[in-house]
């Protein structure tokens, strides 16, 4: 059993004081009935959801693991400077629970972005030692050439870097589009690699990370990672 205000706090509804106020204002309903005693004992395992301020809330099991289809024009930051935050596309409670992005996507980059409240998960998928593959659909300014593909696969030198960076795979999609897989996570890596190979990135869209694929999830939407996807990632 757990006191109701503590349960709300653990679900991301604010500080314990904020949660007490929600309950005492009659804004928290269980089985359609308002609970006014913030210390009311509840059994989380016996509840599917509660209602808070008129909205149903399915109780979350921590940690959280999810996939977001990031739109363009959003910053991968809790404190964005010039654009809205990707975290504003999620329920506000998730930020209070400490959700973090698995790496970053640039403001103009779209596609798959994993998020979690599990720090070990985030670290494992972003650590350079793990070399987790990331596949991007790359729209190019100039037409694809055999030379471009060969240079990306052979490796290019980035400015101020003494080691070559190599694309793990490059597939030609059409005259101005390639799918490119990398295992490093250097700053603006795909854009800089393409520039080093004498072309320019006009659009960048992440298709997959590790074994997890974006699929047909609509832009701006999110979903939970499945047990199978987590197992394939080693969690």
C-alpha atoms as a PDB file:
ATOM      1  CA  UNK A   1       0.000   0.000   0.000  1.00  0.00           C
ATOM      2  CA  UNK A   2       1.102   3.571  -0.652  1.00  0.00           C
ATOM      3  CA  UNK A   3      -0.214   6.961   0.420  1.00  0.00           C
ATOM      4  CA  UNK A   4      -1.983   8.602  -2.521  1.00  0.00           C
ATOM      5  CA  UNK A   5       0.083  11.786  -2.599  1.00  0.00           C
ATOM      6  CA  UNK A   6       3.292   9.746  -2.704  1.00  0.00           C
ATOM      7  CA  UNK A   7       1.928   7.730  -5.616  1.00  0.00           C
ATOM      8  CA  UNK A   8       1.139  10.928  -7.525  1.00  0.00           C
ATOM      9  CA  UNK A   9       4.634  12.233  -6.818  1.00  0.00           C
ATOM     10  CA  UNK A  10       6.176   9.007  -8.130  1.00  0.00           C
ATOM     11  CA  UNK A  11       4.045   9.344 -11.282  1.00  0.00           C
ATOM     12  CA  UNK A  12       5.497  12.781 -12.029  1.00  0.00           C
ATOM     13  CA  UNK A  13       2.666  15.078 -10.950  1.00  0.00           C
ATOM     14  CA  UNK A  14       4.983  17.487  -9.134  1.00  0.00           C
ATOM     15  CA  UNK A  15       6.375  17.886  -5.657  1.00  0.00           C
ATOM     16  CA  UNK A  16       4.742  16.139  -2.728  1.00  0.00           C
ATOM     17  CA  UNK A  17       3.237  19.496  -1.760  1.00  0.00           C
ATOM     18  CA  UNK A  18       1.802  19.947  -5.263  1.00  0.00           C
ATOM     19  CA  UNK A  19       0.318  16.462  -5.115  1.00  0.00           C
ATOM     20  CA  UNK A  20      -1.296  17.097  -1.731  1.00  0.00           C
ATOM     21  CA  UNK A  21      -2.928  20.234  -3.156  1.00  0.00           C
ATOM     22  CA  UNK A  22      -4.279  18.315  -6.160  1.00  0.00           C
ATOM     23  CA  UNK A  23      -5.891  15.763  -3.872  1.00  0.00           C
ATOM     24  CA  UNK A  24      -7.276  18.270  -1.363  1.00  0.00           C
ATOM     25  CA  UNK A  25      -8.812  20.270  -4.242  1.00  0.00           C
ATOM     26  CA  UNK A  26     -10.821  17.200  -5.248  1.00  0.00           C
ATOM     27  CA  UNK A  27      -8.983  16.796  -8.551  1.00  0.00           C
ATOM     28  CA  UNK A  28      -7.903  13.174  -8.046  1.00  0.00           C
ATOM     29  CA  UNK A  29     -10.474  10.461  -8.666  1.00  0.00           C
ATOM     30  CA  UNK A  30     -10.226   6.735  -8.088  1.00  0.00           C
ATOM     31  CA  UNK A  31     -12.983   4.600  -9.590  1.00  0.00           C
ATOM     32  CA  UNK A  32     -14.841   7.816 -10.389  1.00  0.00           C
ATOM     33  CA  UNK A  33     -14.842   9.057  -6.776  1.00  0.00           C
ATOM     34  CA  UNK A  34     -12.835  12.050  -5.560  1.00  0.00           C
ATOM     35  CA  UNK A  35     -10.355  11.253  -2.784  1.00  0.00           C
ATOM     36  CA  UNK A  36      -9.820  14.228  -0.473  1.00  0.00           C
ATOM     37  CA  UNK A  37      -7.445  12.649   2.054  1.00  0.00           C
ATOM     38  CA  UNK A  38      -3.923  12.916   0.629  1.00  0.00           C
ATOM     39  CA  UNK A  39      -2.800  10.127   2.965  1.00  0.00           C
ATOM     40  CA  UNK A  40      -5.440   7.713   1.644  1.00  0.00           C
ATOM     41  CA  UNK A  41      -3.680   4.331   1.265  1.00  0.00           C
ATOM     42  CA  UNK A  42      -3.903   2.836  -2.210  1.00  0.00           C
ATOM     43  CA  UNK A  43      -2.596  -0.359  -3.762  1.00  0.00           C
ATOM     44  CA  UNK A  44      -0.901   0.582  -7.074  1.00  0.00           C
ATOM     45  CA  UNK A  45      -0.987  -3.034  -8.229  1.00  0.00           C
ATOM     46  CA  UNK A  46      -4.770  -3.025  -7.980  1.00  0.00           C
ATOM     47  CA  UNK A  47      -5.196   0.184 -10.031  1.00  0.00           C
ATOM     48  CA  UNK A  48      -5.070   0.404 -13.792  1.00  0.00           C
ATOM     49  CA  UNK A  49      -5.430   4.163 -13.838  1.00  0.00           C
ATOM     50  CA  UNK A  50      -6.459   7.215 -11.870  1.00  0.00           C
ATOM     51  CA  UNK A  51      -8.061  10.463 -12.993  1.00  0.00           C
ATOM     52  CA  UNK A  52      -6.215  13.710 -12.325  1.00  0.00           C
ATOM     53  CA  UNK A  53      -7.741  17.094 -13.134  1.00  0.00           C
ATOM     54  CA  UNK A  54     -10.228  15.526 -15.519  1.00  0.00           C
ATOM     55  CA  UNK A  55      -7.698  13.411 -17.420  1.00  0.00           C
ATOM     56  CA  UNK A  56      -7.276   9.624 -17.108  1.00  0.00           C
ATOM     57  CA  UNK A  57      -3.740   8.579 -16.212  1.00  0.00           C
ATOM     58  CA  UNK A  58      -2.623   4.965 -16.695  1.00  0.00           C
ATOM     59  CA  UNK A  59      -0.178   4.181 -13.904  1.00  0.00           C
ATOM     60  CA  UNK A  60       3.403   3.981 -15.173  1.00  0.00           C
ATOM     61  CA  UNK A  61       5.901   1.281 -14.377  1.00  0.00           C
ATOM     62  CA  UNK A  62       9.425   2.648 -14.071  1.00  0.00           C
ATOM     63  CA  UNK A  63      11.846   2.862 -15.717  1.00  0.00           C
ATOM     64  CA  UNK A  64      10.376   4.261 -18.926  1.00  0.00           C
ATOM     65  CA  UNK A  65      11.635   3.263 -22.373  1.00  0.00           C
ATOM     66  CA  UNK A  66      10.126   4.916 -25.424  1.00  0.00           C
ATOM     67  CA  UNK A  67      10.658   5.922 -29.038  1.00  0.00           C
ATOM     68  CA  UNK A  68       9.765   9.357 -30.422  1.00  0.00           C
ATOM     69  CA  UNK A  69       9.476  10.333 -34.080  1.00  0.00           C
ATOM     70  CA  UNK A  70      11.237  13.679 -33.827  1.00  0.00           C
ATOM     71  CA  UNK A  71       9.945  16.400 -36.160  1.00  0.00           C
ATOM     72  CA  UNK A  72      12.155  19.121 -37.565  1.00  0.00           C
ATOM     73  CA  UNK A  73      12.364  22.383 -35.637  1.00  0.00           C
ATOM     74  CA  UNK A  74      12.766  20.827 -32.177  1.00  0.00           C
ATOM     75  CA  UNK A  75      15.834  20.871 -29.927  1.00  0.00           C
ATOM     76  CA  UNK A  76      16.927  17.724 -28.084  1.00  0.00           C
ATOM     77  CA  UNK A  77      17.292  19.602 -24.815  1.00  0.00           C
ATOM     78  CA  UNK A  78      15.425  20.205 -21.587  1.00  0.00           C
ATOM     79  CA  UNK A  79      16.512  23.850 -21.868  1.00  0.00           C
ATOM     80  CA  UNK A  80      16.150  24.782 -25.541  1.00  0.00           C
ATOM     81  CA  UNK A  81      17.636  28.050 -26.738  1.00  0.00           C
ATOM     82  CA  UNK A  82      15.794  28.935 -29.933  1.00  0.00           C
ATOM     83  CA  UNK A  83      13.218  26.211 -30.623  1.00  0.00           C
ATOM     84  CA  UNK A  84      10.710  24.108 -28.680  1.00  0.00           C
ATOM     85  CA  UNK A  85      12.004  21.078 -26.779  1.00  0.00           C
ATOM     86  CA  UNK A  86      11.351  17.536 -27.982  1.00  0.00           C
ATOM     87  CA  UNK A  87      10.373  16.753 -24.402  1.00  0.00           C
ATOM     88  CA  UNK A  88       7.306  18.978 -24.837  1.00  0.00           C
ATOM     89  CA  UNK A  89       5.975  16.333 -27.234  1.00  0.00           C
ATOM     90  CA  UNK A  90       5.639  13.943 -24.275  1.00  0.00           C
ATOM     91  CA  UNK A  91       3.341  14.055 -21.237  1.00  0.00           C
ATOM     92  CA  UNK A  92       4.747  16.706 -18.885  1.00  0.00           C
ATOM     93  CA  UNK A  93       4.978  14.124 -16.091  1.00  0.00           C
ATOM     94  CA  UNK A  94       7.831  12.364 -17.903  1.00  0.00           C
ATOM     95  CA  UNK A  95      10.251  15.267 -17.381  1.00  0.00           C
ATOM     96  CA  UNK A  96       9.633  15.165 -13.636  1.00  0.00           C
ATOM     97  CA  UNK A  97      10.556  11.473 -13.736  1.00  0.00           C
ATOM     98  CA  UNK A  98      13.951  12.323 -15.226  1.00  0.00           C
ATOM     99  CA  UNK A  99      13.508  11.210 -18.813  1.00  0.00           C
ATOM    100  CA  UNK A 100      16.555  11.719 -21.034  1.00  0.00           C
ATOM    101  CA  UNK A 101      17.258  11.320 -24.737  1.00  0.00           C
ATOM    102  CA  UNK A 102      19.598   8.640 -26.038  1.00  0.00           C
ATOM    103  CA  UNK A 103      21.979  11.010 -27.795  1.00  0.00           C
ATOM    104  CA  UNK A 104      20.863  14.089 -29.685  1.00  0.00           C
ATOM    105  CA  UNK A 105      19.397  14.915 -33.059  1.00  0.00           C
ATOM    106  CA  UNK A 106      20.031  18.350 -34.586  1.00  0.00           C
ATOM    107  CA  UNK A 107      17.162  20.827 -34.820  1.00  0.00           C
ATOM    108  CA  UNK A 108      16.663  20.112 -38.520  1.00  0.00           C
ATOM    109  CA  UNK A 109      17.160  16.337 -38.238  1.00  0.00           C
ATOM    110  CA  UNK A 110      14.058  14.152 -38.025  1.00  0.00           C
ATOM    111  CA  UNK A 111      13.332  10.548 -37.163  1.00  0.00           C
ATOM    112  CA  UNK A 112      13.960   8.002 -34.445  1.00  0.00           C
ATOM    113  CA  UNK A 113      14.917   9.258 -30.989  1.00  0.00           C
ATOM    114  CA  UNK A 114      14.974   6.860 -28.053  1.00  0.00           C
ATOM    115  CA  UNK A 115      14.271   8.157 -24.538  1.00  0.00           C
ATOM    116  CA  UNK A 116      14.431   6.616 -21.082  1.00  0.00           C
ATOM    117  CA  UNK A 117      14.545   7.265 -17.352  1.00  0.00           C
ATOM    118  CA  UNK A 118      17.134   4.467 -17.081  1.00  0.00           C
ATOM    119  CA  UNK A 119      20.578   6.081 -16.979  1.00  0.00           C
ATOM    120  CA  UNK A 120      22.336   2.785 -17.623  1.00  0.00           C
ATOM    121  CA  UNK A 121      20.277   2.290 -20.792  1.00  0.00           C
ATOM    122  CA  UNK A 122      21.098   5.794 -22.049  1.00  0.00           C
ATOM    123  CA  UNK A 123      24.803   5.373 -21.309  1.00  0.00           C
ATOM    124  CA  UNK A 124      25.030   1.939 -22.917  1.00  0.00           C
ATOM    125  CA  UNK A 125      23.516   3.126 -26.199  1.00  0.00           C
ATOM    126  CA  UNK A 126      25.587   6.317 -26.395  1.00  0.00           C
ATOM    127  CA  UNK A 127      28.960   4.988 -25.246  1.00  0.00           C
ATOM    128  CA  UNK A 128      31.531   5.082 -28.097  1.00  0.00           C
ATOM    129  CA  UNK A 129      32.824   1.697 -26.910  1.00  0.00           C
ATOM    130  CA  UNK A 130      29.516   0.019 -27.740  1.00  0.00           C
ATOM    131  CA  UNK A 131      29.536   1.161 -31.384  1.00  0.00           C
ATOM    132  CA  UNK A 132      25.761   0.965 -31.683  1.00  0.00           C
ATOM    133  CA  UNK A 133      24.800   1.289 -35.376  1.00  0.00           C
ATOM    134  CA  UNK A 134      22.638   4.221 -36.414  1.00  0.00           C
ATOM    135  CA  UNK A 135      21.092   4.362 -39.879  1.00  0.00           C
ATOM    136  CA  UNK A 136      20.161   7.673 -41.524  1.00  0.00           C
ATOM    137  CA  UNK A 137      18.360   8.528 -44.738  1.00  0.00           C
ATOM    138  CA  UNK A 138      20.460  11.285 -46.232  1.00  0.00           C
ATOM    139  CA  UNK A 139      19.196  13.718 -48.866  1.00  0.00           C
ATOM    140  CA  UNK A 140      22.088  15.175 -50.857  1.00  0.00           C
ATOM    141  CA  UNK A 141      22.465  18.464 -52.711  1.00  0.00           C
ATOM    142  CA  UNK A 142      24.402  16.880 -55.555  1.00  0.00           C
ATOM    143  CA  UNK A 143      23.708  13.578 -57.262  1.00  0.00           C
ATOM    144  CA  UNK A 144      25.067  10.373 -55.765  1.00  0.00           C
ATOM    145  CA  UNK A 145      28.214   9.046 -57.445  1.00  0.00           C
ATOM    146  CA  UNK A 146      30.129   5.803 -57.130  1.00  0.00           C
ATOM    147  CA  UNK A 147      33.082   7.888 -55.916  1.00  0.00           C
ATOM    148  CA  UNK A 148      31.019   9.374 -53.073  1.00  0.00           C
ATOM    149  CA  UNK A 149      29.882   5.946 -51.897  1.00  0.00           C
ATOM    150  CA  UNK A 150      33.414   4.564 -52.129  1.00  0.00           C
ATOM    151  CA  UNK A 151      34.881   7.445 -50.124  1.00  0.00           C
ATOM    152  CA  UNK A 152      32.304   7.097 -47.360  1.00  0.00           C
ATOM    153  CA  UNK A 153      32.919   3.347 -47.108  1.00  0.00           C
ATOM    154  CA  UNK A 154      36.713   3.735 -47.255  1.00  0.00           C
ATOM    155  CA  UNK A 155      36.646   6.510 -44.668  1.00  0.00           C
ATOM    156  CA  UNK A 156      37.196  10.259 -44.609  1.00  0.00           C
ATOM    157  CA  UNK A 157      39.071  12.623 -42.339  1.00  0.00           C
ATOM    158  CA  UNK A 158      37.057  15.220 -40.488  1.00  0.00           C
ATOM    159  CA  UNK A 159      38.533  18.597 -39.656  1.00  0.00           C
ATOM    160  CA  UNK A 160      40.776  18.515 -36.568  1.00  0.00           C
ATOM    161  CA  UNK A 161      40.535  14.715 -36.381  1.00  0.00           C
ATOM    162  CA  UNK A 162      43.515  12.441 -37.003  1.00  0.00           C
ATOM    163  CA  UNK A 163      41.552   9.233 -37.510  1.00  0.00           C
ATOM    164  CA  UNK A 164      39.354   8.281 -40.414  1.00  0.00           C
ATOM    165  CA  UNK A 165      35.641   7.875 -39.810  1.00  0.00           C
ATOM    166  CA  UNK A 166      34.041   5.128 -41.852  1.00  0.00           C
ATOM    167  CA  UNK A 167      30.467   4.431 -42.868  1.00  0.00           C
ATOM    168  CA  UNK A 168      29.505   0.875 -41.969  1.00  0.00           C
ATOM    169  CA  UNK A 169      27.087   0.697 -44.885  1.00  0.00           C
ATOM    170  CA  UNK A 170      25.829   2.918 -47.705  1.00  0.00           C
ATOM    171  CA  UNK A 171      22.807   2.073 -49.852  1.00  0.00           C
ATOM    172  CA  UNK A 172      21.763   4.210 -52.801  1.00  0.00           C
ATOM    173  CA  UNK A 173      18.028   4.973 -52.630  1.00  0.00           C
ATOM    174  CA  UNK A 174      17.751   7.320 -55.600  1.00  0.00           C
ATOM    175  CA  UNK A 175      19.756   9.950 -57.458  1.00  0.00           C
ATOM    176  CA  UNK A 176      19.955  12.298 -54.468  1.00  0.00           C
ATOM    177  CA  UNK A 177      19.356   9.930 -51.530  1.00  0.00           C
ATOM    178  CA  UNK A 178      21.407   7.360 -49.641  1.00  0.00           C
ATOM    179  CA  UNK A 179      20.892   5.310 -46.491  1.00  0.00           C
ATOM    180  CA  UNK A 180      24.046   5.531 -44.408  1.00  0.00           C
ATOM    181  CA  UNK A 181      24.929   3.583 -41.262  1.00  0.00           C
ATOM    182  CA  UNK A 182      27.535   4.776 -38.758  1.00  0.00           C
ATOM    183  CA  UNK A 183      28.646   3.431 -35.393  1.00  0.00           C
ATOM    184  CA  UNK A 184      30.359   6.505 -33.978  1.00  0.00           C
ATOM    185  CA  UNK A 185      28.578   9.518 -32.551  1.00  0.00           C
ATOM    186  CA  UNK A 186      30.729  12.496 -33.437  1.00  0.00           C
ATOM    187  CA  UNK A 187      29.314  16.008 -33.621  1.00  0.00           C
ATOM    188  CA  UNK A 188      27.401  16.515 -36.905  1.00  0.00           C
ATOM    189  CA  UNK A 189      29.122  13.374 -38.123  1.00  0.00           C
ATOM    190  CA  UNK A 190      26.983  12.487 -41.134  1.00  0.00           C
ATOM    191  CA  UNK A 191      26.955  16.071 -42.407  1.00  0.00           C
ATOM    192  CA  UNK A 192      30.702  16.409 -41.968  1.00  0.00           C
ATOM    193  CA  UNK A 193      31.440  13.055 -43.587  1.00  0.00           C
ATOM    194  CA  UNK A 194      29.361  13.910 -46.628  1.00  0.00           C
ATOM    195  CA  UNK A 195      31.039  17.323 -46.851  1.00  0.00           C
ATOM    196  CA  UNK A 196      34.460  15.652 -46.652  1.00  0.00           C
ATOM    197  CA  UNK A 197      33.370  13.447 -49.558  1.00  0.00           C
ATOM    198  CA  UNK A 198      32.550  16.549 -51.665  1.00  0.00           C
ATOM    199  CA  UNK A 199      28.781  16.702 -51.322  1.00  0.00           C
ATOM    200  CA  UNK A 200      26.304  18.398 -48.976  1.00  0.00           C
ATOM    201  CA  UNK A 201      23.487  17.148 -46.766  1.00  0.00           C
ATOM    202  CA  UNK A 202      20.149  18.794 -47.498  1.00  0.00           C
ATOM    203  CA  UNK A 203      18.057  16.549 -45.249  1.00  0.00           C
ATOM    204  CA  UNK A 204      18.748  14.002 -42.516  1.00  0.00           C
ATOM    205  CA  UNK A 205      16.325  11.444 -41.097  1.00  0.00           C
ATOM    206  CA  UNK A 206      17.235   8.677 -38.631  1.00  0.00           C
ATOM    207  CA  UNK A 207      15.668   5.348 -39.548  1.00  0.00           C
ATOM    208  CA  UNK A 208      17.029   3.089 -36.814  1.00  0.00           C
ATOM    209  CA  UNK A 209      19.265   2.771 -33.779  1.00  0.00           C
ATOM    210  CA  UNK A 210      20.656  -0.644 -32.995  1.00  0.00           C
ATOM    211  CA  UNK A 211      17.891  -3.127 -33.758  1.00  0.00           C
ATOM    212  CA  UNK A 212      15.068  -0.638 -33.180  1.00  0.00           C
ATOM    213  CA  UNK A 213      13.409   0.793 -36.288  1.00  0.00           C
ATOM    214  CA  UNK A 214      11.219   3.876 -36.623  1.00  0.00           C
ATOM    215  CA  UNK A 215       8.723   2.110 -38.845  1.00  0.00           C
ATOM    216  CA  UNK A 216       5.508   3.944 -39.728  1.00  0.00           C
ATOM    217  CA  UNK A 217       5.170   5.920 -36.487  1.00  0.00           C
ATOM    218  CA  UNK A 218       3.763   9.352 -37.354  1.00  0.00           C
ATOM    219  CA  UNK A 219       5.950  12.438 -36.980  1.00  0.00           C
ATOM    220  CA  UNK A 220       5.602  13.927 -33.499  1.00  0.00           C
ATOM    221  CA  UNK A 221       4.157  10.713 -32.027  1.00  0.00           C
ATOM    222  CA  UNK A 222       5.783   8.362 -29.539  1.00  0.00           C
ATOM    223  CA  UNK A 223       5.360   4.761 -28.410  1.00  0.00           C
ATOM    224  CA  UNK A 224       6.704   2.405 -25.763  1.00  0.00           C
ATOM    225  CA  UNK A 225       9.565   0.095 -26.659  1.00  0.00           C
ATOM    226  CA  UNK A 226       8.417  -3.518 -26.682  1.00  0.00           C
ATOM    227  CA  UNK A 227       9.898  -6.215 -24.465  1.00  0.00           C
ATOM    228  CA  UNK A 228      11.383  -7.776 -27.583  1.00  0.00           C
ATOM    229  CA  UNK A 229      13.066  -4.533 -28.637  1.00  0.00           C
ATOM    230  CA  UNK A 230      14.518  -4.062 -25.167  1.00  0.00           C
ATOM    231  CA  UNK A 231      15.792  -7.636 -25.097  1.00  0.00           C
ATOM    232  CA  UNK A 232      17.459  -7.169 -28.488  1.00  0.00           C
ATOM    233  CA  UNK A 233      19.227  -4.100 -27.080  1.00  0.00           C
ATOM    234  CA  UNK A 234      20.390  -6.119 -24.068  1.00  0.00           C
ATOM    235  CA  UNK A 235      17.848  -4.857 -21.505  1.00  0.00           C
END
